[in-house]
PDB file of N, CA and C in Angstrom:
ATOM      1  N   MET A   1     -59.033 -64.628  -9.167  1.00  0.00           N
ATOM      2  CA  MET A   1     -57.764 -64.511  -9.840  1.00  0.00           C
ATOM      3  C   MET A   1     -58.019 -63.985 -11.241  1.00  0.00           C
ATOM      4  N   GLU A   2     -57.140 -63.099 -11.685  1.00  0.00           N
ATOM      5  CA  GLU A   2     -57.289 -62.527 -13.012  1.00  0.00           C
ATOM      6  C   GLU A   2     -55.937 -62.521 -13.715  1.00  0.00           C
ATOM      7  N   THR A   3     -55.953 -62.278 -15.019  1.00  0.00           N
ATOM      8  CA  THR A   3     -54.722 -62.137 -15.773  1.00  0.00           C
ATOM      9  C   THR A   3     -54.547 -60.671 -16.146  1.00  0.00           C
ATOM     10  N   LEU A   4     -53.313 -60.298 -16.430  1.00  0.00           N
ATOM     11  CA  LEU A   4     -52.998 -58.906 -16.737  1.00  0.00           C
ATOM     12  C   LEU A   4     -53.640 -58.448 -18.037  1.00  0.00           C
ATOM     13  N   ASN A   5     -53.548 -59.290 -19.083  1.00  0.00           N
ATOM     14  CA  ASN A   5     -54.042 -58.883 -20.400  1.00  0.00           C
ATOM     15  C   ASN A   5     -54.178 -60.097 -21.327  1.00  0.00           C
ATOM     16  N   GLN A   6     -54.466 -59.840 -22.596  1.00  0.00           N
ATOM     17  CA  GLN A   6     -54.669 -60.915 -23.569  1.00  0.00           C
ATOM     18  C   GLN A   6     -53.384 -61.679 -23.859  1.00  0.00           C
ATOM     19  N   VAL A   7     -52.239 -61.028 -23.718  1.00  0.00           N
ATOM     20  CA  VAL A   7     -50.960 -61.710 -23.919  1.00  0.00           C
ATOM     21  C   VAL A   7     -50.809 -62.834 -22.890  1.00  0.00           C
ATOM     22  N   VAL A   8     -51.118 -62.528 -21.638  1.00  0.00           N
ATOM     23  CA  VAL A   8     -51.028 -63.531 -20.573  1.00  0.00           C
ATOM     24  C   VAL A   8     -52.097 -64.609 -20.786  1.00  0.00           C
ATOM     25  N   ASP A   9     -53.286 -64.215 -21.231  1.00  0.00           N
ATOM     26  CA  ASP A   9     -54.329 -65.206 -21.554  1.00  0.00           C
ATOM     27  C   ASP A   9     -53.820 -66.190 -22.593  1.00  0.00           C
ATOM     28  N   ALA A  10     -53.147 -65.693 -23.617  1.00  0.00           N
ATOM     29  CA  ALA A  10     -52.608 -66.550 -24.681  1.00  0.00           C
ATOM     30  C   ALA A  10     -51.515 -67.467 -24.143  1.00  0.00           C
ATOM     31  N   GLU A  11     -50.673 -66.953 -23.255  1.00  0.00           N
ATOM     32  CA  GLU A  11     -49.634 -67.795 -22.641  1.00  0.00           C
ATOM     33  C   GLU A  11     -50.273 -68.931 -21.862  1.00  0.00           C
ATOM     34  N   LEU A  12     -51.325 -68.619 -21.139  1.00  0.00           N
ATOM     35  CA  LEU A  12     -52.033 -69.618 -20.342  1.00  0.00           C
ATOM     36  C   LEU A  12     -52.672 -70.678 -21.237  1.00  0.00           C
ATOM     37  N   GLU A  13     -53.270 -70.255 -22.330  1.00  0.00           N
ATOM     38  CA  GLU A  13     -53.933 -71.183 -23.250  1.00  0.00           C
ATOM     39  C   GLU A  13     -52.949 -72.113 -23.951  1.00  0.00           C
ATOM     40  N   LYS A  14     -51.674 -71.738 -24.024  1.00  0.00           N
ATOM     41  CA  LYS A  14     -50.652 -72.565 -24.671  1.00  0.00           C
ATOM     42  C   LYS A  14     -50.191 -73.723 -23.790  1.00  0.00           C
ATOM     43  N   LEU A  15     -50.530 -73.679 -22.505  1.00  0.00           N
ATOM     44  CA  LEU A  15     -50.116 -74.753 -21.603  1.00  0.00           C
ATOM     45  C   LEU A  15     -50.786 -76.066 -21.991  1.00  0.00           C
ATOM     46  N   PRO A  16     -50.080 -77.187 -21.803  1.00  0.00           N
ATOM     47  CA  PRO A  16     -50.724 -78.494 -21.992  1.00  0.00           C
ATOM     48  C   PRO A  16     -51.926 -78.627 -21.051  1.00  0.00           C
ATOM     49  N   ALA A  17     -52.875 -79.459 -21.432  1.00  0.00           N
ATOM     50  CA  ALA A  17     -54.135 -79.595 -20.688  1.00  0.00           C
ATOM     51  C   ALA A  17     -53.930 -79.940 -19.222  1.00  0.00           C
ATOM     52  N   ASP A  18     -52.979 -80.841 -18.913  1.00  0.00           N
ATOM     53  CA  ASP A  18     -52.787 -81.229 -17.512  1.00  0.00           C
ATOM     54  C   ASP A  18     -52.223 -80.079 -16.677  1.00  0.00           C
ATOM     55  N   MET A  19     -51.352 -79.262 -17.263  1.00  0.00           N
ATOM     56  CA  MET A  19     -50.810 -78.113 -16.528  1.00  0.00           C
ATOM     57  C   MET A  19     -51.875 -77.030 -16.366  1.00  0.00           C
ATOM     58  N   LEU A  20     -52.700 -76.840 -17.379  1.00  0.00           N
ATOM     59  CA  LEU A  20     -53.788 -75.872 -17.289  1.00  0.00           C
ATOM     60  C   LEU A  20     -54.781 -76.292 -16.202  1.00  0.00           C
ATOM     61  N   ALA A  21     -55.066 -77.579 -16.133  1.00  0.00           N
ATOM     62  CA  ALA A  21     -55.960 -78.098 -15.088  1.00  0.00           C
ATOM     63  C   ALA A  21     -55.353 -77.865 -13.709  1.00  0.00           C
ATOM     64  N   ARG A  22     -54.055 -78.031 -13.587  1.00  0.00           N
ATOM     65  CA  ARG A  22     -53.375 -77.800 -12.314  1.00  0.00           C
ATOM     66  C   ARG A  22     -53.440 -76.311 -11.935  1.00  0.00           C
ATOM     67  N   PHE A  23     -53.271 -75.428 -12.929  1.00  0.00           N
ATOM     68  CA  PHE A  23     -53.390 -73.991 -12.689  1.00  0.00           C
ATOM     69  C   PHE A  23     -54.769 -73.658 -12.123  1.00  0.00           C
ATOM     70  N   HIS A  24     -55.811 -74.206 -12.746  1.00  0.00           N
ATOM     71  CA  HIS A  24     -57.171 -73.929 -12.278  1.00  0.00           C
ATOM     72  C   HIS A  24     -57.414 -74.500 -10.875  1.00  0.00           C
ATOM     73  N   TYR A  25     -56.833 -75.660 -10.592  1.00  0.00           N
ATOM     74  CA  TYR A  25     -56.967 -76.271  -9.266  1.00  0.00           C
ATOM     75  C   TYR A  25     -56.328 -75.366  -8.197  1.00  0.00           C
ATOM     76  N   ILE A  26     -55.108 -74.894  -8.459  1.00  0.00           N
ATOM     77  CA  ILE A  26     -54.417 -74.040  -7.491  1.00  0.00           C
ATOM     78  C   ILE A  26     -55.134 -72.700  -7.352  1.00  0.00           C
ATOM     79  N   SER A  27     -55.640 -72.169  -8.459  1.00  0.00           N
ATOM     80  CA  SER A  27     -56.422 -70.924  -8.410  1.00  0.00           C
ATOM     81  C   SER A  27     -57.636 -71.091  -7.506  1.00  0.00           C
ATOM     82  N   GLN A  28     -58.280 -72.242  -7.625  1.00  0.00           N
ATOM     83  CA  GLN A  28     -59.450 -72.528  -6.799  1.00  0.00           C
ATOM     84  C   GLN A  28     -59.065 -72.614  -5.315  1.00  0.00           C
ATOM     85  N   LEU A  29     -57.922 -73.234  -5.021  1.00  0.00           N
ATOM     86  CA  LEU A  29     -57.439 -73.302  -3.635  1.00  0.00           C
ATOM     87  C   LEU A  29     -57.241 -71.897  -3.067  1.00  0.00           C
ATOM     88  N   ILE A  30     -56.631 -71.014  -3.875  1.00  0.00           N
ATOM     89  CA  ILE A  30     -56.382 -69.648  -3.431  1.00  0.00           C
ATOM     90  C   ILE A  30     -57.694 -68.932  -3.160  1.00  0.00           C
ATOM     91  N   GLU A  31     -58.672 -69.095  -4.043  1.00  0.00           N
ATOM     92  CA  GLU A  31     -59.965 -68.439  -3.853  1.00  0.00           C
ATOM     93  C   GLU A  31     -60.704 -68.992  -2.642  1.00  0.00           C
ATOM     94  N   GLU A  32     -60.605 -70.298  -2.429  1.00  0.00           N
ATOM     95  CA  GLU A  32     -61.338 -70.933  -1.335  1.00  0.00           C
ATOM     96  C   GLU A  32     -60.699 -70.696   0.032  1.00  0.00           C
ATOM     97  N   PHE A  33     -59.371 -70.811   0.113  1.00  0.00           N
ATOM     98  CA  PHE A  33     -58.704 -70.750   1.410  1.00  0.00           C
ATOM     99  C   PHE A  33     -57.942 -69.446   1.659  1.00  0.00           C
ATOM    100  N   GLY A  34     -57.703 -68.652   0.601  1.00  0.00           N
ATOM    101  CA  GLY A  34     -56.978 -67.398   0.744  1.00  0.00           C
ATOM    102  C   GLY A  34     -55.491 -67.550   0.482  1.00  0.00           C
ATOM    103  N   LEU A  35     -54.896 -66.471   0.043  1.00  0.00           N
ATOM    104  CA  LEU A  35     -53.468 -66.477  -0.294  1.00  0.00           C
ATOM    105  C   LEU A  35     -52.583 -66.888   0.878  1.00  0.00           C
ATOM    106  N   GLU A  36     -52.952 -66.433   2.060  1.00  0.00           N
ATOM    107  CA  GLU A  36     -52.106 -66.686   3.219  1.00  0.00           C
ATOM    108  C   GLU A  36     -52.057 -68.153   3.632  1.00  0.00           C
ATOM    109  N   ARG A  37     -52.990 -68.969   3.167  1.00  0.00           N
ATOM    110  CA  ARG A  37     -53.029 -70.378   3.569  1.00  0.00           C
ATOM    111  C   ARG A  37     -52.514 -71.337   2.494  1.00  0.00           C
ATOM    112  N   VAL A  38     -52.320 -70.855   1.283  1.00  0.00           N
ATOM    113  CA  VAL A  38     -51.830 -71.724   0.209  1.00  0.00           C
ATOM    114  C   VAL A  38     -50.332 -71.458   0.045  1.00  0.00           C
ATOM    115  N   ARG A  39     -49.536 -72.459   0.257  1.00  0.00           N
ATOM    116  CA  ARG A  39     -48.071 -72.341   0.205  1.00  0.00           C
ATOM    117  C   ARG A  39     -47.494 -73.467  -0.639  1.00  0.00           C
ATOM    118  N   GLU A  40     -46.174 -73.711  -0.485  1.00  0.00           N
ATOM    119  CA  GLU A  40     -45.515 -74.780  -1.224  1.00  0.00           C
ATOM    120  C   GLU A  40     -46.187 -76.105  -0.917  1.00  0.00           C
ATOM    121  N   PRO A  41     -46.329 -76.972  -1.855  1.00  0.00           N
ATOM    122  CA  PRO A  41     -45.708 -76.965  -3.183  1.00  0.00           C
ATOM    123  C   PRO A  41     -46.515 -76.210  -4.246  1.00  0.00           C
ATOM    124  N   HIS A  42     -47.610 -75.575  -3.870  1.00  0.00           N
ATOM    125  CA  HIS A  42     -48.486 -74.925  -4.850  1.00  0.00           C
ATOM    126  C   HIS A  42     -47.995 -73.542  -5.275  1.00  0.00           C
ATOM    127  N   VAL A  43     -47.589 -72.732  -4.323  1.00  0.00           N
ATOM    128  CA  VAL A  43     -47.089 -71.382  -4.623  1.00  0.00           C
ATOM    129  C   VAL A  43     -45.792 -71.145  -3.860  1.00  0.00           C
ATOM    130  N   LYS A  44     -44.982 -70.232  -4.406  1.00  0.00           N
ATOM    131  CA  LYS A  44     -43.711 -69.921  -3.761  1.00  0.00           C
ATOM    132  C   LYS A  44     -43.353 -68.466  -4.058  1.00  0.00           C
ATOM    133  N   HIS A  45     -42.762 -67.798  -3.070  1.00  0.00           N
ATOM    134  CA  HIS A  45     -42.300 -66.424  -3.246  1.00  0.00           C
ATOM    135  C   HIS A  45     -41.022 -66.441  -4.082  1.00  0.00           C
ATOM    136  N   LEU A  46     -40.928 -65.519  -5.050  1.00  0.00           N
ATOM    137  CA  LEU A  46     -39.737 -65.426  -5.888  1.00  0.00           C
ATOM    138  C   LEU A  46     -38.840 -64.261  -5.482  1.00  0.00           C
ATOM    139  N   ARG A  47     -39.357 -63.050  -5.702  1.00  0.00           N
ATOM    140  CA  ARG A  47     -38.562 -61.849  -5.427  1.00  0.00           C
ATOM    141  C   ARG A  47     -39.506 -60.656  -5.302  1.00  0.00           C
ATOM    142  N   GLY A  48     -39.283 -59.837  -4.295  1.00  0.00           N
ATOM    143  CA  GLY A  48     -40.092 -58.635  -4.127  1.00  0.00           C
ATOM    144  C   GLY A  48     -41.576 -58.950  -4.080  1.00  0.00           C
ATOM    145  N   VAL A  49     -42.333 -58.365  -4.998  1.00  0.00           N
ATOM    146  CA  VAL A  49     -43.784 -58.566  -5.038  1.00  0.00           C
ATOM    147  C   VAL A  49     -44.184 -59.797  -5.843  1.00  0.00           C
ATOM    148  N   LEU A  50     -43.205 -60.494  -6.400  1.00  0.00           N
ATOM    149  CA  LEU A  50     -43.470 -61.584  -7.343  1.00  0.00           C
ATOM    150  C   LEU A  50     -43.542 -62.949  -6.666  1.00  0.00           C
ATOM    151  N   TRP A  51     -44.610 -63.681  -7.002  1.00  0.00           N
ATOM    152  CA  TRP A  51     -44.842 -65.048  -6.532  1.00  0.00           C
ATOM    153  C   TRP A  51     -45.067 -65.943  -7.742  1.00  0.00           C
ATOM    154  N   GLU A  52     -44.972 -67.263  -7.550  1.00  0.00           N
ATOM    155  CA  GLU A  52     -45.229 -68.180  -8.647  1.00  0.00           C
ATOM    156  C   GLU A  52     -46.214 -69.267  -8.245  1.00  0.00           C
ATOM    157  N   ILE A  53     -47.078 -69.610  -9.187  1.00  0.00           N
ATOM    158  CA  ILE A  53     -47.929 -70.795  -9.073  1.00  0.00           C
ATOM    159  C   ILE A  53     -47.166 -71.897  -9.781  1.00  0.00           C
ATOM    160  N   ARG A  54     -46.986 -73.019  -9.099  1.00  0.00           N
ATOM    161  CA  ARG A  54     -46.130 -74.093  -9.596  1.00  0.00           C
ATOM    162  C   ARG A  54     -46.974 -75.236 -10.154  1.00  0.00           C
ATOM    163  N   MET A  55     -46.849 -75.461 -11.462  1.00  0.00           N
ATOM    164  CA  MET A  55     -47.599 -76.538 -12.115  1.00  0.00           C
ATOM    165  C   MET A  55     -46.635 -77.582 -12.653  1.00  0.00           C
ATOM    166  N   LYS A  56     -47.045 -78.838 -12.530  1.00  0.00           N
ATOM    167  CA  LYS A  56     -46.251 -79.946 -13.036  1.00  0.00           C
ATOM    168  C   LYS A  56     -47.177 -80.844 -13.837  1.00  0.00           C
ATOM    169  N   GLY A  57     -46.688 -81.338 -14.966  1.00  0.00           N
ATOM    170  CA  GLY A  57     -47.483 -82.224 -15.800  1.00  0.00           C
ATOM    171  C   GLY A  57     -46.603 -83.250 -16.465  1.00  0.00           C
ATOM    172  N   LYS A  58     -47.200 -84.074 -17.288  1.00  0.00           N
ATOM    173  CA  LYS A  58     -46.426 -85.144 -17.932  1.00  0.00           C
ATOM    174  C   LYS A  58     -45.391 -84.593 -18.909  1.00  0.00           C
ATOM    175  N   ASP A  59     -45.596 -83.364 -19.397  1.00  0.00           N
ATOM    176  CA  ASP A  59     -44.661 -82.764 -20.351  1.00  0.00           C
ATOM    177  C   ASP A  59     -43.606 -81.881 -19.680  1.00  0.00           C
ATOM    178  N   GLY A  60     -43.608 -81.815 -18.361  1.00  0.00           N
ATOM    179  CA  GLY A  60     -42.612 -81.005 -17.667  1.00  0.00           C
ATOM    180  C   GLY A  60     -43.242 -80.146 -16.595  1.00  0.00           C
ATOM    181  N   ILE A  61     -42.631 -78.993 -16.375  1.00  0.00           N
ATOM    182  CA  ILE A  61     -43.122 -78.076 -15.352  1.00  0.00           C
ATOM    183  C   ILE A  61     -43.341 -76.697 -15.962  1.00  0.00           C
ATOM    184  N   SER A  62     -44.256 -75.964 -15.368  1.00  0.00           N
ATOM    185  CA  SER A  62     -44.527 -74.604 -15.836  1.00  0.00           C
ATOM    186  C   SER A  62     -44.800 -73.730 -14.628  1.00  0.00           C
ATOM    187  N   ARG A  63     -44.782 -72.443 -14.875  1.00  0.00           N
ATOM    188  CA  ARG A  63     -45.017 -71.484 -13.817  1.00  0.00           C
ATOM    189  C   ARG A  63     -45.939 -70.381 -14.302  1.00  0.00           C
ATOM    190  N   ALA A  64     -46.743 -69.866 -13.385  1.00  0.00           N
ATOM    191  CA  ALA A  64     -47.548 -68.675 -13.620  1.00  0.00           C
ATOM    192  C   ALA A  64     -47.089 -67.675 -12.569  1.00  0.00           C
ATOM    193  N   LEU A  65     -46.465 -66.612 -13.003  1.00  0.00           N
ATOM    194  CA  LEU A  65     -45.954 -65.601 -12.077  1.00  0.00           C
ATOM    195  C   LEU A  65     -47.042 -64.575 -11.821  1.00  0.00           C
ATOM    196  N   TYR A  66     -47.200 -64.198 -10.554  1.00  0.00           N
ATOM    197  CA  TYR A  66     -48.275 -63.271 -10.200  1.00  0.00           C
ATOM    198  C   TYR A  66     -47.843 -62.299  -9.124  1.00  0.00           C
ATOM    199  N   VAL A  67     -48.624 -61.237  -9.014  1.00  0.00           N
ATOM    200  CA  VAL A  67     -48.469 -60.261  -7.934  1.00  0.00           C
ATOM    201  C   VAL A  67     -49.823 -60.113  -7.272  1.00  0.00           C
ATOM    202  N   THR A  68     -49.800 -59.597  -6.064  1.00  0.00           N
ATOM    203  CA  THR A  68     -51.065 -59.323  -5.387  1.00  0.00           C
ATOM    204  C   THR A  68     -51.263 -57.815  -5.328  1.00  0.00           C
ATOM    205  N   VAL A  69     -52.496 -57.427  -5.514  1.00  0.00           N
ATOM    206  CA  VAL A  69     -52.872 -56.016  -5.408  1.00  0.00           C
ATOM    207  C   VAL A  69     -53.912 -55.980  -4.303  1.00  0.00           C
ATOM    208  N   PHE A  70     -53.594 -55.313  -3.238  1.00  0.00           N
ATOM    209  CA  PHE A  70     -54.381 -55.398  -2.006  1.00  0.00           C
ATOM    210  C   PHE A  70     -54.322 -56.853  -1.545  1.00  0.00           C
ATOM    211  N   ALA A  71     -55.045 -57.233  -0.577  1.00  0.00           N
ATOM    212  CA  ALA A  71     -54.921 -58.579  -0.025  1.00  0.00           C
ATOM    213  C   ALA A  71     -55.695 -59.629  -0.812  1.00  0.00           C
ATOM    214  N   LYS A  72     -56.685 -59.227  -1.593  1.00  0.00           N
ATOM    215  CA  LYS A  72     -57.579 -60.203  -2.214  1.00  0.00           C
ATOM    216  C   LYS A  72     -57.456 -60.317  -3.735  1.00  0.00           C
ATOM    217  N   ARG A  73     -56.746 -59.401  -4.382  1.00  0.00           N
ATOM    218  CA  ARG A  73     -56.681 -59.394  -5.842  1.00  0.00           C
ATOM    219  C   ARG A  73     -55.367 -60.012  -6.302  1.00  0.00           C
ATOM    220  N   VAL A  74     -55.456 -61.089  -7.071  1.00  0.00           N
ATOM    221  CA  VAL A  74     -54.290 -61.779  -7.608  1.00  0.00           C
ATOM    222  C   VAL A  74     -54.282 -61.574  -9.113  1.00  0.00           C
ATOM    223  N   VAL A  75     -53.154 -61.085  -9.655  1.00  0.00           N
ATOM    224  CA  VAL A  75     -53.058 -60.822 -11.086  1.00  0.00           C
ATOM    225  C   VAL A  75     -51.878 -61.611 -11.645  1.00  0.00           C
ATOM    226  N   VAL A  76     -52.166 -62.553 -12.548  1.00  0.00           N
ATOM    227  CA  VAL A  76     -51.122 -63.333 -13.211  1.00  0.00           C
ATOM    228  C   VAL A  76     -50.516 -62.452 -14.302  1.00  0.00           C
ATOM    229  N   VAL A  77     -49.197 -62.313 -14.281  1.00  0.00           N
ATOM    230  CA  VAL A  77     -48.524 -61.426 -15.231  1.00  0.00           C
ATOM    231  C   VAL A  77     -47.652 -62.168 -16.241  1.00  0.00           C
ATOM    232  N   ARG A  78     -47.365 -63.448 -16.009  1.00  0.00           N
ATOM    233  CA  ARG A  78     -46.544 -64.223 -16.947  1.00  0.00           C
ATOM    234  C   ARG A  78     -46.777 -65.704 -16.729  1.00  0.00           C
ATOM    235  N   VAL A  79     -46.896 -66.461 -17.821  1.00  0.00           N
ATOM    236  CA  VAL A  79     -47.047 -67.913 -17.771  1.00  0.00           C
ATOM    237  C   VAL A  79     -46.037 -68.496 -18.751  1.00  0.00           C
ATOM    238  N   PHE A  80     -45.299 -69.531 -18.319  1.00  0.00           N
ATOM    239  CA  PHE A  80     -44.314 -70.145 -19.204  1.00  0.00           C
ATOM    240  C   PHE A  80     -43.998 -71.562 -18.751  1.00  0.00           C
ATOM    241  N   ILE A  81     -43.447 -72.347 -19.672  1.00  0.00           N
ATOM    242  CA  ILE A  81     -42.991 -73.702 -19.361  1.00  0.00           C
ATOM    243  C   ILE A  81     -41.511 -73.610 -19.030  1.00  0.00           C
ATOM    244  N   LYS A  82     -41.132 -74.165 -17.893  1.00  0.00           N
ATOM    245  CA  LYS A  82     -39.745 -74.114 -17.446  1.00  0.00           C
ATOM    246  C   LYS A  82     -38.919 -75.171 -18.158  1.00  0.00           C
ATOM    247  N   LYS A  83     -37.691 -74.812 -18.473  1.00  0.00           N
ATOM    248  CA  LYS A  83     -36.768 -75.748 -19.095  1.00  0.00           C
ATOM    249  C   LYS A  83     -35.543 -75.987 -18.219  1.00  0.00           C
ATOM    250  N   THR A  84     -35.431 -75.230 -17.137  1.00  0.00           N
ATOM    251  CA  THR A  84     -34.309 -75.376 -16.212  1.00  0.00           C
ATOM    252  C   THR A  84     -34.845 -75.485 -14.788  1.00  0.00           C
ATOM    253  N   GLN A  85     -33.979 -75.903 -13.869  1.00  0.00           N
ATOM    254  CA  GLN A  85     -34.383 -76.051 -12.470  1.00  0.00           C
ATOM    255  C   GLN A  85     -34.759 -74.709 -11.854  1.00  0.00           C
ATOM    256  N   LYS A  86     -33.946 -73.692 -12.124  1.00  0.00           N
ATOM    257  CA  LYS A  86     -34.166 -72.367 -11.542  1.00  0.00           C
ATOM    258  C   LYS A  86     -35.008 -71.525 -12.499  1.00  0.00           C
ATOM    259  N   THR A  87     -35.889 -70.707 -11.938  1.00  0.00           N
ATOM    260  CA  THR A  87     -36.681 -69.797 -12.774  1.00  0.00           C
ATOM    261  C   THR A  87     -35.733 -68.793 -13.426  1.00  0.00           C
ATOM    262  N   PRO A  88     -35.722 -68.726 -14.762  1.00  0.00           N
ATOM    263  CA  PRO A  88     -34.791 -67.826 -15.454  1.00  0.00           C
ATOM    264  C   PRO A  88     -35.009 -66.361 -15.068  1.00  0.00           C
ATOM    265  N   SER A  89     -33.905 -65.632 -14.906  1.00  0.00           N
ATOM    266  CA  SER A  89     -34.002 -64.235 -14.498  1.00  0.00           C
ATOM    267  C   SER A  89     -34.733 -63.396 -15.539  1.00  0.00           C
ATOM    268  N   GLY A  90     -34.651 -63.768 -16.815  1.00  0.00           N
ATOM    269  CA  GLY A  90     -35.371 -63.041 -17.852  1.00  0.00           C
ATOM    270  C   GLY A  90     -36.876 -63.127 -17.659  1.00  0.00           C
ATOM    271  N   GLU A  91     -37.353 -64.275 -17.216  1.00  0.00           N
ATOM    272  CA  GLU A  91     -38.783 -64.450 -16.939  1.00  0.00           C
ATOM    273  C   GLU A  91     -39.206 -63.594 -15.756  1.00  0.00           C
ATOM    274  N   ILE A  92     -38.362 -63.541 -14.735  1.00  0.00           N
ATOM    275  CA  ILE A  92     -38.662 -62.729 -13.562  1.00  0.00           C
ATOM    276  C   ILE A  92     -38.694 -61.251 -13.939  1.00  0.00           C
ATOM    277  N   GLU A  93     -37.708 -60.814 -14.717  1.00  0.00           N
ATOM    278  CA  GLU A  93     -37.655 -59.408 -15.130  1.00  0.00           C
ATOM    279  C   GLU A  93     -38.870 -59.034 -15.974  1.00  0.00           C
ATOM    280  N   LEU A  94     -39.280 -59.917 -16.901  1.00  0.00           N
ATOM    281  CA  LEU A  94     -40.460 -59.655 -17.723  1.00  0.00           C
ATOM    282  C   LEU A  94     -41.707 -59.545 -16.846  1.00  0.00           C
ATOM    283  N   ALA A  95     -41.837 -60.434 -15.880  1.00  0.00           N
ATOM    284  CA  ALA A  95     -42.992 -60.404 -14.984  1.00  0.00           C
ATOM    285  C   ALA A  95     -43.017 -59.122 -14.161  1.00  0.00           C
ATOM    286  N   LEU A  96     -41.863 -58.710 -13.667  1.00  0.00           N
ATOM    287  CA  LEU A  96     -41.797 -57.468 -12.888  1.00  0.00           C
ATOM    288  C   LEU A  96     -42.145 -56.257 -13.757  1.00  0.00           C
ATOM    289  N   LYS A  97     -41.694 -56.263 -15.008  1.00  0.00           N
ATOM    290  CA  LYS A  97     -42.017 -55.174 -15.927  1.00  0.00           C
ATOM    291  C   LYS A  97     -43.523 -55.116 -16.169  1.00  0.00           C
ATOM    292  N   ARG A  98     -44.134 -56.281 -16.396  1.00  0.00           N
ATOM    293  CA  ARG A  98     -45.575 -56.333 -16.613  1.00  0.00           C
ATOM    294  C   ARG A  98     -46.339 -55.920 -15.363  1.00  0.00           C
ATOM    295  N   ALA A  99     -45.806 -56.275 -14.203  1.00  0.00           N
ATOM    296  CA  ALA A  99     -46.486 -55.928 -12.936  1.00  0.00           C
ATOM    297  C   ALA A  99     -46.620 -54.431 -12.763  1.00  0.00           C
ATOM    298  N   LYS A 100     -45.685 -53.673 -13.338  1.00  0.00           N
ATOM    299  CA  LYS A 100     -45.745 -52.212 -13.225  1.00  0.00           C
ATOM    300  C   LYS A 100     -46.933 -51.637 -13.967  1.00  0.00           C
ATOM    301  N   GLU A 101     -47.529 -52.421 -14.889  1.00  0.00           N
ATOM    302  CA  GLU A 101     -48.681 -51.955 -15.661  1.00  0.00           C
ATOM    303  C   GLU A 101     -49.979 -51.973 -14.844  1.00  0.00           C
ATOM    304  N   ILE A 102     -49.959 -52.671 -13.731  1.00  0.00           N
ATOM    305  CA  ILE A 102     -51.168 -52.830 -12.929  1.00  0.00           C
ATOM    306  C   ILE A 102     -51.474 -51.536 -12.187  1.00  0.00           C
ATOM    307  N   GLU A 103     -52.717 -51.120 -12.292  1.00  0.00           N
ATOM    308  CA  GLU A 103     -53.158 -49.944 -11.547  1.00  0.00           C
ATOM    309  C   GLU A 103     -53.537 -50.367 -10.148  1.00  0.00           C
ATOM    310  N   SER A 104     -53.033 -49.684  -9.185  1.00  0.00           N
ATOM    311  CA  SER A 104     -53.364 -50.013  -7.780  1.00  0.00           C
ATOM    312  C   SER A 104     -54.772 -49.609  -7.455  1.00  0.00           C
TER     313      SER A 104
END
């Protein structure tokens, strides 16, 4: 699993420690078992090419939005702490915009 750029790295580093640990745990599951075998409650399809890694911690919930490039390459394009039940459309749009930067 990789991140798109330093902006996404910084978003990831801003997560509370328990949510960051959960992100690494789910990333490890994906690497060990493959994308096709890791599903809810860990990951969920959002829209089009966009998927989310779902993290929960004592301070709330957060998401890491990602796309896949080929079957084995996972690129995280946005990380944020959720404040509402539904993933905000602005977050989805930003992630989709960033996903266009990825070279196939």
